[in-house]
Protein backbone atom coordinates (compact mmCIF):
# COMPACT_ATOMS: atom_id res chain seq x y z
CA MET A 1 15.05 7.38 -6.35
CA LYS A 2 16.61 5.75 -3.28
CA ALA A 3 16.32 1.96 -3.14
CA GLN A 4 16.34 0.02 0.09
CA ALA A 5 17.80 -3.45 -0.20
CA ALA A 6 15.83 -6.19 1.47
CA GLU A 7 17.10 -9.19 3.37
CA GLY A 8 19.42 -10.66 0.71
CA ASP A 9 16.60 -12.07 -1.41
CA GLY A 10 16.97 -9.65 -4.32
CA VAL A 11 13.82 -7.69 -3.47
CA LEU A 12 14.33 -3.92 -3.45
CA LEU A 13 11.97 -1.34 -1.94
CA VAL A 14 11.86 1.81 -4.05
CA GLU A 15 9.76 4.89 -4.55
CA ALA A 16 7.72 4.79 -7.76
CA PRO A 17 7.13 8.41 -8.81
CA TYR A 18 3.72 9.08 -10.33
CA GLY A 19 3.81 8.47 -14.08
CA SER A 20 7.14 6.59 -14.03
CA GLY A 21 7.65 3.13 -15.48
CA LEU A 22 7.70 1.66 -11.97
CA TYR A 23 4.45 3.44 -11.18
CA CYS A 24 2.86 1.97 -14.34
CA GLN A 25 3.98 -1.53 -13.32
CA ALA A 26 2.63 -0.96 -9.80
CA LEU A 27 -0.67 0.26 -11.24
CA ALA A 28 -0.95 -2.89 -13.36
CA LEU A 29 -0.24 -5.04 -10.29
CA ARG A 30 -2.89 -3.19 -8.26
CA GLU A 31 -5.43 -3.72 -11.03
CA ALA A 32 -4.64 -7.44 -11.26
CA VAL A 33 -4.72 -8.03 -7.50
CA LEU A 34 -7.30 -5.58 -6.18
CA ARG A 35 -9.73 -4.80 -9.00
CA GLN A 36 -9.97 -7.52 -11.63
CA PRO A 37 -10.99 -10.30 -9.21
CA LEU A 38 -13.97 -8.11 -8.28
CA GLY A 39 -14.81 -7.26 -11.88
CA LEU A 40 -13.82 -3.63 -11.29
CA MET A 41 -11.62 -1.19 -13.19
CA LEU A 42 -9.78 1.86 -11.92
CA ALA A 43 -12.04 4.88 -12.24
CA GLU A 44 -10.68 8.11 -13.71
CA GLU A 45 -11.14 9.99 -10.41
CA GLU A 46 -9.07 7.32 -8.64
CA ARG A 47 -6.32 7.68 -11.24
CA ALA A 48 -6.37 11.46 -10.65
CA ASP A 49 -6.08 10.78 -6.91
CA ASP A 50 -2.91 8.77 -7.61
CA ALA A 51 -1.17 12.02 -8.61
CA LEU A 52 -1.64 13.22 -5.02
CA ARG A 53 -0.01 10.16 -3.44
CA ARG A 54 3.49 8.84 -2.76
CA HIS A 55 3.95 5.39 -4.26
CA PHE A 56 6.37 2.68 -3.15
CA CYS A 57 6.97 -0.70 -4.64
CA ALA A 58 8.91 -3.88 -4.11
CA THR A 59 10.85 -5.04 -7.14
CA ASP A 60 12.63 -8.26 -7.96
CA GLN A 61 14.95 -8.20 -10.97
CA GLY A 62 13.21 -5.05 -12.20
CA ALA A 63 9.66 -6.44 -11.97
CA VAL A 64 7.18 -4.95 -9.48
CA VAL A 65 6.02 -7.63 -7.04
CA GLY A 66 4.38 -5.36 -4.45
CA SER A 67 2.94 -1.88 -4.19
CA VAL A 68 1.54 0.59 -1.67
CA SER A 69 0.65 4.28 -1.74
CA LEU A 70 0.22 7.01 0.85
CA LYS A 71 -1.98 10.10 0.70
CA LYS A 72 -1.75 13.11 3.00
CA LEU A 73 -5.06 13.72 4.76
CA ASP A 74 -3.88 16.55 7.03
CA SER A 75 -0.64 17.78 8.59
CA GLY A 76 -0.46 14.82 10.97
CA THR A 77 -2.32 12.05 9.15
CA VAL A 78 -1.59 9.96 6.09
CA GLN A 79 -3.81 7.30 4.51
CA LEU A 80 -2.32 4.00 3.34
CA ARG A 81 -3.99 2.78 0.17
CA GLN A 82 -3.72 0.17 -2.55
CA MET A 83 -1.48 -2.35 -0.78
CA ALA A 84 -0.95 -5.24 -3.18
CA VAL A 85 1.50 -8.15 -3.46
CA ALA A 86 1.67 -10.43 -6.48
CA GLU A 87 -0.24 -13.61 -5.74
CA ASN A 88 2.76 -15.86 -6.43
CA ARG A 89 4.94 -13.79 -4.03
CA ARG A 90 2.73 -13.78 -0.95
CA ARG A 91 3.95 -15.13 2.39
CA GLU A 92 7.52 -14.00 1.62
CA GLY A 93 7.38 -10.93 3.88
CA ILE A 94 7.08 -8.48 0.98
CA GLY A 95 3.90 -6.90 2.35
CA ALA A 96 5.44 -6.50 5.81
CA ARG A 97 8.53 -4.83 4.33
CA LEU A 98 6.42 -2.50 2.16
CA LEU A 99 4.32 -1.58 5.18
CA ALA A 100 7.46 -0.85 7.23
CA ARG A 101 8.86 1.28 4.38
CA ALA A 102 5.62 3.27 4.15
CA GLU A 103 5.59 3.80 7.93
CA ASP A 104 9.26 4.88 7.92
CA TRP A 105 8.57 7.39 5.17
CA ALA A 106 5.49 8.76 6.96
CA ARG A 107 7.39 9.04 10.25
CA GLY A 108 10.25 10.83 8.50
CA GLU A 109 7.80 13.32 6.99
CA GLY A 110 6.40 14.12 10.44
CA TYR A 111 3.10 12.24 10.23
CA ARG A 112 1.81 10.92 13.54
CA LEU A 113 -1.09 8.72 12.39
CA ILE A 114 -1.69 6.26 9.55
CA VAL A 115 -5.24 5.29 8.63
CA LEU A 116 -6.39 2.64 6.17
CA ASN A 117 -9.45 0.71 5.07
CA ALA A 118 -8.55 -2.98 5.29
CA ARG A 119 -10.46 -5.67 3.48
CA LEU A 120 -11.89 -8.13 5.97
CA GLY A 121 -9.48 -11.01 5.78
CA ALA A 122 -6.50 -8.66 5.41
CA ASP A 123 -7.26 -6.94 8.71
CA GLY A 124 -5.34 -9.64 10.61
CA PHE A 125 -2.18 -8.72 8.67
CA TYR A 126 -2.50 -5.08 9.72
CA ALA A 127 -3.42 -5.99 13.31
CA ALA A 128 -0.22 -8.06 13.52
CA HIS A 129 1.66 -4.87 12.62
CA GLY A 130 0.05 -2.73 15.32
CA TYR A 131 -3.04 -1.36 13.55
CA LEU A 132 -6.27 -1.12 15.52
CA ALA A 133 -9.75 -1.56 14.08
CA GLN A 134 -12.03 1.46 14.42
CA GLY A 135 -15.80 1.06 14.25
CA GLU A 136 -17.91 -1.45 12.39
CA PRO A 137 -17.19 -3.06 9.01
CA PHE A 138 -18.51 -1.24 5.94
CA GLU A 139 -18.71 -1.94 2.23
CA GLU A 140 -16.17 -0.43 -0.15
CA ASN A 141 -15.67 -1.54 -3.77
CA THR A 142 -18.35 -4.21 -3.22
CA ILE A 143 -16.59 -5.98 -0.32
CA PRO A 144 -16.46 -5.55 3.49
CA HIS A 145 -13.69 -3.37 4.92
CA VAL A 146 -12.82 -2.05 8.36
CA ARG A 147 -11.09 1.24 9.14
CA MET A 148 -7.80 0.77 10.99
CA THR A 149 -5.31 3.20 12.49
CA LYS A 150 -1.78 3.20 13.85
CA ARG A 151 -0.02 5.91 15.84
CA LEU A 152 3.56 6.52 14.75
CA ALA A 153 6.20 7.16 17.43
């Protein structure tokens, strides 16, 4: 498990293998940030889908403060899913660094396109990092989302 040190703030970016302790912490963070506020719980089929993804997290002193996962869609396309940053750690650049780490990994694996479904309100974050909205907003998990894509060089 190769860690990438961040910008001197103690935050490390690491892979969180499925089923590992880091993965379990990342899963708990995703639940707290993405599901519980909507009154939702992770469905069993979504948990099974996690086994098919690569998971990365940001840690600070061993605690997971951010998480993202990537799922292969085809030989050239990967889907970014479940981006979450602890509420008390937002606006510190953790999300941007996780996004860059995910993109670097995808690029290194030969993927040429990243797709994601961004919650409306979070779409500005992704747009600032080069993602383009595709089509009209739609409802997913009871809230509006928009599909976004980014070509990798």
